[in-house]
Each structure stands twice: as structure tokens, then as C-alpha cells.
Amino acid sequence: MADPRQGALFKAVIAAATCEARTAEALHRFYDIRVKEWAPCVQQAVARGEVPEGTDPHEAVRAVSAPLCYRLLTSGAPLDEAAADRAAAAAAAAARGAYLQGTGPV
């Protein structure tokens, strides 16, 4: 997303997905695969005791990219290492309790 060409492509796909069902489906499939690929990282964090048992790995993974996507789409501010570090730190903090499976909002 930080690459100027890739960022522009990402924005175009998001825009198209809001009004075209096939594009939306493709985007959802793409992210479902990515989330499933990264879920084991959260499961390993559970095993190490870094996040609570019962943490939803898919929600925790989505929480990492959400602030980056929001930043790209709303402000155009650069997606630099500092932004990535903040997103990871925020997701890690939230994973320590906000993403427990079977719990509603606190």
C-alpha cells in the first residue's frame, strides 16, 4: 500500500468494490485469504501467553491493517514504518482483551 502505484490500485479496487458486486467479492476473497494466512501468528501469541486464550485471530489480524487502510483512504498521509509500528502496537494492545471470541462490546 505504501508504493504509489500499489496505493492507487488499492484505492481504485476499494472504490470499485463499493458499487460492483464481483469486485467486492474478489476483494473479500483476497482479504479472507490474507487474514487466514496471518491467523497463526495470533494463535502463537496465545500459546506464548501474550494474548488471552479465546482471542479471535481473524479479528486481531484485521485490526492491524485497519488503521493503515483508513490512513491511506482518508488522509493520504504516508504509510511509513512509524505508521505500521503504531498500527501493530494498537492491535497488540487490543488483542489483550478486545477480541475474545464470544464476547460483545465492552
PDB file of N, CA and C in Angstrom:
ATOM      1  N   MET A   1       0.818  -1.199   0.000  1.00  0.00           N
ATOM      2  CA  MET A   1       0.000   0.000   0.000  1.00  0.00           C
ATOM      3  C   MET A   1       0.863   1.265   0.000  1.00  0.00           C
ATOM      4  N   ALA A   2       2.096   1.156   0.453  1.00  0.00           N
ATOM      5  CA  ALA A   2       2.954   2.339   0.515  1.00  0.00           C
ATOM      6  C   ALA A   2       3.510   2.723  -0.852  1.00  0.00           C
ATOM      7  N   ASP A   3       3.602   1.773  -1.755  1.00  0.00           N
ATOM      8  CA  ASP A   3       4.078   2.065  -3.101  1.00  0.00           C
ATOM      9  C   ASP A   3       3.040   2.936  -3.810  1.00  0.00           C
ATOM     10  N   PRO A   4       3.459   4.032  -4.444  1.00  0.00           N
ATOM     11  CA  PRO A   4       2.489   4.929  -5.076  1.00  0.00           C
ATOM     12  C   PRO A   4       1.566   4.230  -6.075  1.00  0.00           C
ATOM     13  N   ARG A   5       2.108   3.316  -6.871  1.00  0.00           N
ATOM     14  CA  ARG A   5       1.265   2.613  -7.846  1.00  0.00           C
ATOM     15  C   ARG A   5       0.322   1.636  -7.151  1.00  0.00           C
ATOM     16  N   GLN A   6       0.834   0.904  -6.181  1.00  0.00           N
ATOM     17  CA  GLN A   6       0.005  -0.065  -5.473  1.00  0.00           C
ATOM     18  C   GLN A   6      -1.059   0.629  -4.636  1.00  0.00           C
ATOM     19  N   GLY A   7      -0.705   1.757  -4.021  1.00  0.00           N
ATOM     20  CA  GLY A   7      -1.674   2.518  -3.244  1.00  0.00           C
ATOM     21  C   GLY A   7      -2.818   3.011  -4.112  1.00  0.00           C
ATOM     22  N   ALA A   8      -2.497   3.498  -5.294  1.00  0.00           N
ATOM     23  CA  ALA A   8      -3.532   3.967  -6.218  1.00  0.00           C
ATOM     24  C   ALA A   8      -4.419   2.805  -6.667  1.00  0.00           C
ATOM     25  N   LEU A   9      -3.808   1.663  -6.928  1.00  0.00           N
ATOM     26  CA  LEU A   9      -4.572   0.480  -7.320  1.00  0.00           C
ATOM     27  C   LEU A   9      -5.497   0.048  -6.183  1.00  0.00           C
ATOM     28  N   PHE A  10      -4.975   0.036  -4.965  1.00  0.00           N
ATOM     29  CA  PHE A  10      -5.780  -0.340  -3.805  1.00  0.00           C
ATOM     30  C   PHE A  10      -6.993   0.582  -3.666  1.00  0.00           C
ATOM     31  N   LYS A  11      -6.771   1.879  -3.792  1.00  0.00           N
ATOM     32  CA  LYS A  11      -7.874   2.840  -3.701  1.00  0.00           C
ATOM     33  C   LYS A  11      -8.911   2.583  -4.799  1.00  0.00           C
ATOM     34  N   ALA A  12      -8.456   2.296  -6.004  1.00  0.00           N
ATOM     35  CA  ALA A  12      -9.374   2.047  -7.116  1.00  0.00           C
ATOM     36  C   ALA A  12     -10.199   0.780  -6.880  1.00  0.00           C
ATOM     37  N   VAL A  13      -9.562  -0.259  -6.356  1.00  0.00           N
ATOM     38  CA  VAL A  13     -10.284  -1.504  -6.088  1.00  0.00           C
ATOM     39  C   VAL A  13     -11.323  -1.283  -4.992  1.00  0.00           C
ATOM     40  N   ILE A  14     -10.954  -0.559  -3.950  1.00  0.00           N
ATOM     41  CA  ILE A  14     -11.911  -0.256  -2.867  1.00  0.00           C
ATOM     42  C   ILE A  14     -13.097   0.515  -3.446  1.00  0.00           C
ATOM     43  N   ALA A  15     -12.822   1.524  -4.249  1.00  0.00           N
ATOM     44  CA  ALA A  15     -13.900   2.322  -4.839  1.00  0.00           C
ATOM     45  C   ALA A  15     -14.801   1.453  -5.716  1.00  0.00           C
ATOM     46  N   ALA A  16     -14.203   0.611  -6.523  1.00  0.00           N
ATOM     47  CA  ALA A  16     -14.993  -0.254  -7.397  1.00  0.00           C
ATOM     48  C   ALA A  16     -15.816  -1.256  -6.590  1.00  0.00           C
ATOM     49  N   ALA A  17     -15.252  -1.738  -5.494  1.00  0.00           N
ATOM     50  CA  ALA A  17     -15.954  -2.730  -4.672  1.00  0.00           C
ATOM     51  C   ALA A  17     -17.201  -2.158  -4.002  1.00  0.00           C
ATOM     52  N   THR A  18     -17.269  -0.841  -3.875  1.00  0.00           N
ATOM     53  CA  THR A  18     -18.445  -0.244  -3.250  1.00  0.00           C
ATOM     54  C   THR A  18     -19.657  -0.245  -4.161  1.00  0.00           C
ATOM     55  N   CYS A  19     -19.443  -0.451  -5.462  1.00  0.00           N
ATOM     56  CA  CYS A  19     -20.581  -0.374  -6.378  1.00  0.00           C
ATOM     57  C   CYS A  19     -20.633  -1.515  -7.394  1.00  0.00           C
ATOM     58  N   GLU A  20     -19.760  -2.498  -7.262  1.00  0.00           N
ATOM     59  CA  GLU A  20     -19.751  -3.594  -8.228  1.00  0.00           C
ATOM     60  C   GLU A  20     -19.554  -4.901  -7.460  1.00  0.00           C
ATOM     61  N   ALA A  21     -20.554  -5.767  -7.497  1.00  0.00           N
ATOM     62  CA  ALA A  21     -20.587  -6.974  -6.670  1.00  0.00           C
ATOM     63  C   ALA A  21     -19.420  -7.926  -6.932  1.00  0.00           C
ATOM     64  N   ARG A  22     -19.037  -8.107  -8.187  1.00  0.00           N
ATOM     65  CA  ARG A  22     -17.942  -9.039  -8.488  1.00  0.00           C
ATOM     66  C   ARG A  22     -16.617  -8.522  -7.941  1.00  0.00           C
ATOM     67  N   THR A  23     -16.410  -7.232  -8.021  1.00  0.00           N
ATOM     68  CA  THR A  23     -15.186  -6.655  -7.469  1.00  0.00           C
ATOM     69  C   THR A  23     -15.187  -6.797  -5.945  1.00  0.00           C
ATOM     70  N   ALA A  24     -16.332  -6.541  -5.330  1.00  0.00           N
ATOM     71  CA  ALA A  24     -16.442  -6.690  -3.878  1.00  0.00           C
ATOM     72  C   ALA A  24     -16.151  -8.126  -3.461  1.00  0.00           C
ATOM     73  N   GLU A  25     -16.695  -9.068  -4.191  1.00  0.00           N
ATOM     74  CA  GLU A  25     -16.463 -10.482  -3.886  1.00  0.00           C
ATOM     75  C   GLU A  25     -14.981 -10.831  -4.008  1.00  0.00           C
ATOM     76  N   ALA A  26     -14.343 -10.353  -5.059  1.00  0.00           N
ATOM     77  CA  ALA A  26     -12.911 -10.613  -5.253  1.00  0.00           C
ATOM     78  C   ALA A  26     -12.087  -9.993  -4.128  1.00  0.00           C
ATOM     79  N   LEU A  27     -12.428  -8.790  -3.733  1.00  0.00           N
ATOM     80  CA  LEU A  27     -11.709  -8.122  -2.649  1.00  0.00           C
ATOM     81  C   LEU A  27     -11.893  -8.887  -1.345  1.00  0.00           C
ATOM     82  N   HIS A  28     -13.106  -9.328  -1.072  1.00  0.00           N
ATOM     83  CA  HIS A  28     -13.370 -10.097   0.150  1.00  0.00           C
ATOM     84  C   HIS A  28     -12.580 -11.404   0.147  1.00  0.00           C
ATOM     85  N   ARG A  29     -12.554 -12.088  -0.985  1.00  0.00           N
ATOM     86  CA  ARG A  29     -11.777 -13.330  -1.090  1.00  0.00           C
ATOM     87  C   ARG A  29     -10.296 -13.066  -0.834  1.00  0.00           C
ATOM     88  N   PHE A  30      -9.779 -12.009  -1.457  1.00  0.00           N
ATOM     89  CA  PHE A  30      -8.369 -11.653  -1.283  1.00  0.00           C
ATOM     90  C   PHE A  30      -8.046 -11.467   0.196  1.00  0.00           C
ATOM     91  N   TYR A  31      -8.867 -10.685   0.896  1.00  0.00           N
ATOM     92  CA  TYR A  31      -8.582 -10.419   2.307  1.00  0.00           C
ATOM     93  C   TYR A  31      -8.877 -11.612   3.197  1.00  0.00           C
ATOM     94  N   ASP A  32      -9.852 -12.425   2.867  1.00  0.00           N
ATOM     95  CA  ASP A  32     -10.091 -13.647   3.641  1.00  0.00           C
ATOM     96  C   ASP A  32      -8.852 -14.541   3.624  1.00  0.00           C
ATOM     97  N   ILE A  33      -8.245 -14.666   2.459  1.00  0.00           N
ATOM     98  CA  ILE A  33      -7.033 -15.480   2.334  1.00  0.00           C
ATOM     99  C   ILE A  33      -5.905 -14.875   3.166  1.00  0.00           C
ATOM    100  N   ARG A  34      -5.712 -13.560   3.056  1.00  0.00           N
ATOM    101  CA  ARG A  34      -4.625 -12.912   3.804  1.00  0.00           C
ATOM    102  C   ARG A  34      -4.820 -13.049   5.311  1.00  0.00           C
ATOM    103  N   VAL A  35      -6.044 -12.876   5.769  1.00  0.00           N
ATOM    104  CA  VAL A  35      -6.330 -12.983   7.207  1.00  0.00           C
ATOM    105  C   VAL A  35      -6.052 -14.409   7.679  1.00  0.00           C
ATOM    106  N   LYS A  36      -6.475 -15.402   6.900  1.00  0.00           N
ATOM    107  CA  LYS A  36      -6.228 -16.800   7.282  1.00  0.00           C
ATOM    108  C   LYS A  36      -4.737 -17.115   7.303  1.00  0.00           C
ATOM    109  N   GLU A  37      -3.972 -16.516   6.383  1.00  0.00           N
ATOM    110  CA  GLU A  37      -2.523 -16.748   6.348  1.00  0.00           C
ATOM    111  C   GLU A  37      -1.835 -16.202   7.597  1.00  0.00           C
ATOM    112  N   TRP A  38      -2.330 -15.081   8.139  1.00  0.00           N
ATOM    113  CA  TRP A  38      -1.699 -14.440   9.281  1.00  0.00           C
ATOM    114  C   TRP A  38      -2.267 -14.888  10.625  1.00  0.00           C
ATOM    115  N   ALA A  39      -3.418 -15.563  10.629  1.00  0.00           N
ATOM    116  CA  ALA A  39      -4.044 -16.003  11.877  1.00  0.00           C
ATOM    117  C   ALA A  39      -3.114 -16.840  12.758  1.00  0.00           C
ATOM    118  N   PRO A  40      -2.268 -17.706  12.206  1.00  0.00           N
ATOM    119  CA  PRO A  40      -1.373 -18.486  13.071  1.00  0.00           C
ATOM    120  C   PRO A  40      -0.456 -17.619  13.941  1.00  0.00           C
ATOM    121  N   CYS A  41      -0.134 -16.412  13.506  1.00  0.00           N
ATOM    122  CA  CYS A  41       0.689 -15.519  14.341  1.00  0.00           C
ATOM    123  C   CYS A  41      -0.023 -15.211  15.655  1.00  0.00           C
ATOM    124  N   VAL A  42      -1.325 -14.990  15.572  1.00  0.00           N
ATOM    125  CA  VAL A  42      -2.108 -14.704  16.780  1.00  0.00           C
ATOM    126  C   VAL A  42      -2.226 -15.967  17.621  1.00  0.00           C
ATOM    127  N   GLN A  43      -2.427 -17.106  16.975  1.00  0.00           N
ATOM    128  CA  GLN A  43      -2.513 -18.367  17.713  1.00  0.00           C
ATOM    129  C   GLN A  43      -1.205 -18.646  18.451  1.00  0.00           C
ATOM    130  N   GLN A  44      -0.085 -18.298  17.848  1.00  0.00           N
ATOM    131  CA  GLN A  44       1.209 -18.454  18.517  1.00  0.00           C
ATOM    132  C   GLN A  44       1.334 -17.495  19.697  1.00  0.00           C
ATOM    133  N   ALA A  45       0.795 -16.284  19.533  1.00  0.00           N
ATOM    134  CA  ALA A  45       0.805 -15.328  20.648  1.00  0.00           C
ATOM    135  C   ALA A  45      -0.031 -15.844  21.816  1.00  0.00           C
ATOM    136  N   VAL A  46      -1.146 -16.508  21.520  1.00  0.00           N
ATOM    137  CA  VAL A  46      -1.962 -17.133  22.571  1.00  0.00           C
ATOM    138  C   VAL A  46      -1.138 -18.206  23.271  1.00  0.00           C
ATOM    139  N   ALA A  47      -0.476 -19.040  22.507  1.00  0.00           N
ATOM    140  CA  ALA A  47       0.329 -20.130  23.073  1.00  0.00           C
ATOM    141  C   ALA A  47       1.452 -19.601  23.963  1.00  0.00           C
ATOM    142  N   ARG A  48       1.997 -18.438  23.614  1.00  0.00           N
ATOM    143  CA  ARG A  48       3.072 -17.833  24.414  1.00  0.00           C
ATOM    144  C   ARG A  48       2.529 -17.051  25.612  1.00  0.00           C
ATOM    145  N   GLY A  49       1.214 -16.912  25.692  1.00  0.00           N
ATOM    146  CA  GLY A  49       0.619 -16.168  26.797  1.00  0.00           C
ATOM    147  C   GLY A  49       0.629 -14.661  26.601  1.00  0.00           C
ATOM    148  N   GLU A  50       0.865 -14.208  25.376  1.00  0.00           N
ATOM    149  CA  GLU A  50       0.917 -12.766  25.107  1.00  0.00           C
ATOM    150  C   GLU A  50      -0.460 -12.151  24.927  1.00  0.00           C
ATOM    151  N   VAL A  51      -1.418 -12.951  24.515  1.00  0.00           N
ATOM    152  CA  VAL A  51      -2.821 -12.525  24.423  1.00  0.00           C
ATOM    153  C   VAL A  51      -3.658 -13.633  25.042  1.00  0.00           C
ATOM    154  N   PRO A  52      -4.856 -13.300  25.508  1.00  0.00           N
ATOM    155  CA  PRO A  52      -5.647 -14.295  26.233  1.00  0.00           C
ATOM    156  C   PRO A  52      -6.130 -15.456  25.359  1.00  0.00           C
ATOM    157  N   GLU A  53      -6.293 -16.587  26.017  1.00  0.00           N
ATOM    158  CA  GLU A  53      -6.938 -17.740  25.386  1.00  0.00           C
ATOM    159  C   GLU A  53      -8.315 -17.297  24.913  1.00  0.00           C
ATOM    160  N   GLY A  54      -8.705 -17.727  23.737  1.00  0.00           N
ATOM    161  CA  GLY A  54     -10.005 -17.350  23.200  1.00  0.00           C
ATOM    162  C   GLY A  54      -9.978 -16.109  22.333  1.00  0.00           C
ATOM    163  N   THR A  55      -8.779 -15.536  22.123  1.00  0.00           N
ATOM    164  CA  THR A  55      -8.665 -14.381  21.238  1.00  0.00           C
ATOM    165  C   THR A  55      -9.009 -14.809  19.820  1.00  0.00           C
ATOM    166  N   ASP A  56      -9.855 -14.044  19.171  1.00  0.00           N
ATOM    167  CA  ASP A  56     -10.239 -14.334  17.789  1.00  0.00           C
ATOM    168  C   ASP A  56      -9.092 -13.905  16.877  1.00  0.00           C
ATOM    169  N   PRO A  57      -8.365 -14.855  16.288  1.00  0.00           N
ATOM    170  CA  PRO A  57      -7.195 -14.483  15.490  1.00  0.00           C
ATOM    171  C   PRO A  57      -7.548 -13.663  14.254  1.00  0.00           C
ATOM    172  N   HIS A  58      -8.713 -13.917  13.672  1.00  0.00           N
ATOM    173  CA  HIS A  58      -9.085 -13.176  12.459  1.00  0.00           C
ATOM    174  C   HIS A  58      -9.366 -11.711  12.778  1.00  0.00           C
ATOM    175  N   GLU A  59     -10.061 -11.454  13.867  1.00  0.00           N
ATOM    176  CA  GLU A  59     -10.330 -10.066  14.250  1.00  0.00           C
ATOM    177  C   GLU A  59      -9.038  -9.347  14.622  1.00  0.00           C
ATOM    178  N   ALA A  60      -8.151 -10.026  15.319  1.00  0.00           N
ATOM    179  CA  ALA A  60      -6.877  -9.407  15.705  1.00  0.00           C
ATOM    180  C   ALA A  60      -6.049  -9.050  14.472  1.00  0.00           C
ATOM    181  N   VAL A  61      -6.023  -9.932  13.481  1.00  0.00           N
ATOM    182  CA  VAL A  61      -5.263  -9.657  12.254  1.00  0.00           C
ATOM    183  C   VAL A  61      -5.875  -8.476  11.506  1.00  0.00           C
ATOM    184  N   ARG A  62      -7.203  -8.451  11.405  1.00  0.00           N
ATOM    185  CA  ARG A  62      -7.856  -7.325  10.717  1.00  0.00           C
ATOM    186  C   ARG A  62      -7.525  -6.002  11.399  1.00  0.00           C
ATOM    187  N   ALA A  63      -7.354  -6.034  12.714  1.00  0.00           N
ATOM    188  CA  ALA A  63      -7.085  -4.807  13.467  1.00  0.00           C
ATOM    189  C   ALA A  63      -5.733  -4.192  13.108  1.00  0.00           C
ATOM    190  N   VAL A  64      -4.819  -4.986  12.623  1.00  0.00           N
ATOM    191  CA  VAL A  64      -3.506  -4.442  12.238  1.00  0.00           C
ATOM    192  C   VAL A  64      -3.625  -3.590  10.984  1.00  0.00           C
ATOM    193  N   SER A  65      -4.336  -4.082   9.982  1.00  0.00           N
ATOM    194  CA  SER A  65      -4.393  -3.355   8.712  1.00  0.00           C
ATOM    195  C   SER A  65      -5.430  -2.240   8.699  1.00  0.00           C
ATOM    196  N   ALA A  66      -6.417  -2.305   9.574  1.00  0.00           N
ATOM    197  CA  ALA A  66      -7.493  -1.310   9.542  1.00  0.00           C
ATOM    198  C   ALA A  66      -6.990   0.134   9.636  1.00  0.00           C
ATOM    199  N   PRO A  67      -6.119   0.467  10.586  1.00  0.00           N
ATOM    200  CA  PRO A  67      -5.680   1.868  10.636  1.00  0.00           C
ATOM    201  C   PRO A  67      -4.847   2.284   9.423  1.00  0.00           C
ATOM    202  N   LEU A  68      -4.141   1.328   8.835  1.00  0.00           N
ATOM    203  CA  LEU A  68      -3.347   1.653   7.646  1.00  0.00           C
ATOM    204  C   LEU A  68      -4.253   1.928   6.453  1.00  0.00           C
ATOM    205  N   CYS A  69      -5.266   1.093   6.285  1.00  0.00           N
ATOM    206  CA  CYS A  69      -6.225   1.321   5.195  1.00  0.00           C
ATOM    207  C   CYS A  69      -6.945   2.648   5.388  1.00  0.00           C
ATOM    208  N   TYR A  70      -7.363   2.907   6.609  1.00  0.00           N
ATOM    209  CA  TYR A  70      -8.069   4.153   6.900  1.00  0.00           C
ATOM    210  C   TYR A  70      -7.175   5.356   6.596  1.00  0.00           C
ATOM    211  N   ARG A  71      -5.925   5.285   7.008  1.00  0.00           N
ATOM    212  CA  ARG A  71      -4.984   6.380   6.758  1.00  0.00           C
ATOM    213  C   ARG A  71      -4.815   6.615   5.257  1.00  0.00           C
ATOM    214  N   LEU A  72      -4.640   5.536   4.510  1.00  0.00           N
ATOM    215  CA  LEU A  72      -4.458   5.642   3.060  1.00  0.00           C
ATOM    216  C   LEU A  72      -5.683   6.255   2.392  1.00  0.00           C
ATOM    217  N   LEU A  73      -6.868   5.807   2.795  1.00  0.00           N
ATOM    218  CA  LEU A  73      -8.088   6.234   2.122  1.00  0.00           C
ATOM    219  C   LEU A  73      -8.582   7.611   2.536  1.00  0.00           C
ATOM    220  N   THR A  74      -8.278   8.031   3.754  1.00  0.00           N
ATOM    221  CA  THR A  74      -8.865   9.283   4.232  1.00  0.00           C
ATOM    222  C   THR A  74      -7.921  10.466   4.261  1.00  0.00           C
ATOM    223  N   SER A  75      -6.645  10.233   4.510  1.00  0.00           N
ATOM    224  CA  SER A  75      -5.756  11.386   4.662  1.00  0.00           C
ATOM    225  C   SER A  75      -4.684  11.476   3.589  1.00  0.00           C
ATOM    226  N   GLY A  76      -4.356  10.350   2.999  1.00  0.00           N
ATOM    227  CA  GLY A  76      -3.264  10.343   2.037  1.00  0.00           C
ATOM    228  C   GLY A  76      -1.902  10.476   2.688  1.00  0.00           C
ATOM    229  N   ALA A  77      -1.876  10.448   4.029  1.00  0.00           N
ATOM    230  CA  ALA A  77      -0.598  10.529   4.747  1.00  0.00           C
ATOM    231  C   ALA A  77       0.222   9.281   4.405  1.00  0.00           C
ATOM    232  N   PRO A  78       1.525   9.416   4.436  1.00  0.00           N
ATOM    233  CA  PRO A  78       2.362   8.280   4.044  1.00  0.00           C
ATOM    234  C   PRO A  78       2.194   7.081   4.973  1.00  0.00           C
ATOM    235  N   LEU A  79       2.281   5.915   4.376  1.00  0.00           N
ATOM    236  CA  LEU A  79       2.270   4.680   5.147  1.00  0.00           C
ATOM    237  C   LEU A  79       3.721   4.287   5.382  1.00  0.00           C
ATOM    238  N   ASP A  80       4.287   4.876   6.400  1.00  0.00           N
ATOM    239  CA  ASP A  80       5.692   4.642   6.688  1.00  0.00           C
ATOM    240  C   ASP A  80       5.842   3.641   7.836  1.00  0.00           C
ATOM    241  N   GLU A  81       7.076   3.380   8.207  1.00  0.00           N
ATOM    242  CA  GLU A  81       7.354   2.410   9.265  1.00  0.00           C
ATOM    243  C   GLU A  81       6.725   2.830  10.588  1.00  0.00           C
ATOM    244  N   ALA A  82       6.720   4.117  10.880  1.00  0.00           N
ATOM    245  CA  ALA A  82       6.116   4.597  12.123  1.00  0.00           C
ATOM    246  C   ALA A  82       4.616   4.310  12.147  1.00  0.00           C
ATOM    247  N   ALA A  83       3.934   4.507  11.030  1.00  0.00           N
ATOM    248  CA  ALA A  83       2.502   4.214  10.961  1.00  0.00           C
ATOM    249  C   ALA A  83       2.257   2.720  11.141  1.00  0.00           C
ATOM    250  N   ALA A  84       3.090   1.903  10.535  1.00  0.00           N
ATOM    251  CA  ALA A  84       2.951   0.453  10.674  1.00  0.00           C
ATOM    252  C   ALA A  84       3.206   0.023  12.116  1.00  0.00           C
ATOM    253  N   ASP A  85       4.210   0.609  12.746  1.00  0.00           N
ATOM    254  CA  ASP A  85       4.504   0.281  14.144  1.00  0.00           C
ATOM    255  C   ASP A  85       3.347   0.664  15.060  1.00  0.00           C
ATOM    256  N   ARG A  86       2.750   1.840  14.828  1.00  0.00           N
ATOM    257  CA  ARG A  86       1.602   2.267  15.642  1.00  0.00           C
ATOM    258  C   ARG A  86       0.418   1.329  15.448  1.00  0.00           C
ATOM    259  N   ALA A  87       0.166   0.939  14.215  1.00  0.00           N
ATOM    260  CA  ALA A  87      -0.948   0.031  13.936  1.00  0.00           C
ATOM    261  C   ALA A  87      -0.735  -1.315  14.625  1.00  0.00           C
ATOM    262  N   ALA A  88       0.484  -1.828  14.562  1.00  0.00           N
ATOM    263  CA  ALA A  88       0.787  -3.106  15.212  1.00  0.00           C
ATOM    264  C   ALA A  88       0.664  -2.999  16.719  1.00  0.00           C
ATOM    265  N   ALA A  89       1.161  -1.895  17.296  1.00  0.00           N
ATOM    266  CA  ALA A  89       1.076  -1.714  18.755  1.00  0.00           C
ATOM    267  C   ALA A  89      -0.376  -1.592  19.208  1.00  0.00           C
ATOM    268  N   ALA A  90      -1.187  -0.867  18.455  1.00  0.00           N
ATOM    269  CA  ALA A  90      -2.603  -0.710  18.811  1.00  0.00           C
ATOM    270  C   ALA A  90      -3.329  -2.046  18.715  1.00  0.00           C
ATOM    271  N   ALA A  91      -3.056  -2.812  17.672  1.00  0.00           N
ATOM    272  CA  ALA A  91      -3.701  -4.119  17.514  1.00  0.00           C
ATOM    273  C   ALA A  91      -3.260  -5.072  18.618  1.00  0.00           C
ATOM    274  N   ALA A  92      -1.983  -5.031  18.984  1.00  0.00           N
ATOM    275  CA  ALA A  92      -1.489  -5.898  20.060  1.00  0.00           C
ATOM    276  C   ALA A  92      -2.153  -5.543  21.389  1.00  0.00           C
ATOM    277  N   ALA A  93      -2.293  -4.257  21.659  1.00  0.00           N
ATOM    278  CA  ALA A  93      -2.954  -3.833  22.895  1.00  0.00           C
ATOM    279  C   ALA A  93      -4.413  -4.284  22.910  1.00  0.00           C
ATOM    280  N   ALA A  94      -5.092  -4.121  21.788  1.00  0.00           N
ATOM    281  CA  ALA A  94      -6.496  -4.535  21.703  1.00  0.00           C
ATOM    282  C   ALA A  94      -6.630  -6.051  21.819  1.00  0.00           C
ATOM    283  N   ALA A  95      -5.670  -6.780  21.282  1.00  0.00           N
ATOM    284  CA  ALA A  95      -5.735  -8.240  21.315  1.00  0.00           C
ATOM    285  C   ALA A  95      -5.610  -8.786  22.727  1.00  0.00           C
ATOM    286  N   ARG A  96      -5.178  -7.969  23.650  1.00  0.00           N
ATOM    287  CA  ARG A  96      -5.055  -8.415  25.035  1.00  0.00           C
ATOM    288  C   ARG A  96      -6.401  -8.458  25.747  1.00  0.00           C
ATOM    289  N   GLY A  97      -7.491  -8.350  24.989  1.00  0.00           N
ATOM    290  CA  GLY A  97      -8.799  -8.476  25.620  1.00  0.00           C
ATOM    291  C   GLY A  97      -9.973  -8.082  24.762  1.00  0.00           C
ATOM    292  N   ALA A  98      -9.764  -7.257  23.753  1.00  0.00           N
ATOM    293  CA  ALA A  98     -10.898  -6.753  22.964  1.00  0.00           C
ATOM    294  C   ALA A  98     -11.413  -7.755  21.950  1.00  0.00           C
ATOM    295  N   TYR A  99     -10.634  -8.768  21.616  1.00  0.00           N
ATOM    296  CA  TYR A  99     -11.030  -9.680  20.552  1.00  0.00           C
ATOM    297  C   TYR A  99     -11.286 -11.092  21.053  1.00  0.00           C
ATOM    298  N   LEU A 100     -11.792 -11.207  22.267  1.00  0.00           N
ATOM    299  CA  LEU A 100     -12.128 -12.530  22.787  1.00  0.00           C
ATOM    300  C   LEU A 100     -13.364 -13.044  22.079  1.00  0.00           C
ATOM    301  N   GLN A 101     -13.298 -14.283  21.636  1.00  0.00           N
ATOM    302  CA  GLN A 101     -14.430 -14.882  20.934  1.00  0.00           C
ATOM    303  C   GLN A 101     -15.596 -15.041  21.880  1.00  0.00           C
ATOM    304  N   GLY A 102     -16.776 -14.746  21.357  1.00  0.00           N
ATOM    305  CA  GLY A 102     -17.989 -14.928  22.120  1.00  0.00           C
ATOM    306  C   GLY A 102     -18.317 -13.796  23.077  1.00  0.00           C
ATOM    307  N   THR A 103     -17.565 -12.697  22.987  1.00  0.00           N
ATOM    308  CA  THR A 103     -17.872 -11.552  23.835  1.00  0.00           C
ATOM    309  C   THR A 103     -18.354 -10.409  22.949  1.00  0.00           C
ATOM    310  N   GLY A 104     -19.216  -9.634  23.481  1.00  0.00           N
ATOM    311  CA  GLY A 104     -19.706  -8.471  22.758  1.00  0.00           C
ATOM    312  C   GLY A 104     -18.899  -7.244  23.137  1.00  0.00           C
ATOM    313  N   PRO A 105     -19.327  -6.101  22.691  1.00  0.00           N
ATOM    314  CA  PRO A 105     -18.621  -4.860  23.043  1.00  0.00           C
ATOM    315  C   PRO A 105     -18.642  -4.647  24.542  1.00  0.00           C
ATOM    316  N   VAL A 106     -17.577  -4.050  25.031  1.00  0.00           N
ATOM    317  CA  VAL A 106     -17.463  -3.790  26.464  1.00  0.00           C
ATOM    318  C   VAL A 106     -18.092  -2.472  26.816  1.00  0.00           C
TER     319      VAL A 106
END
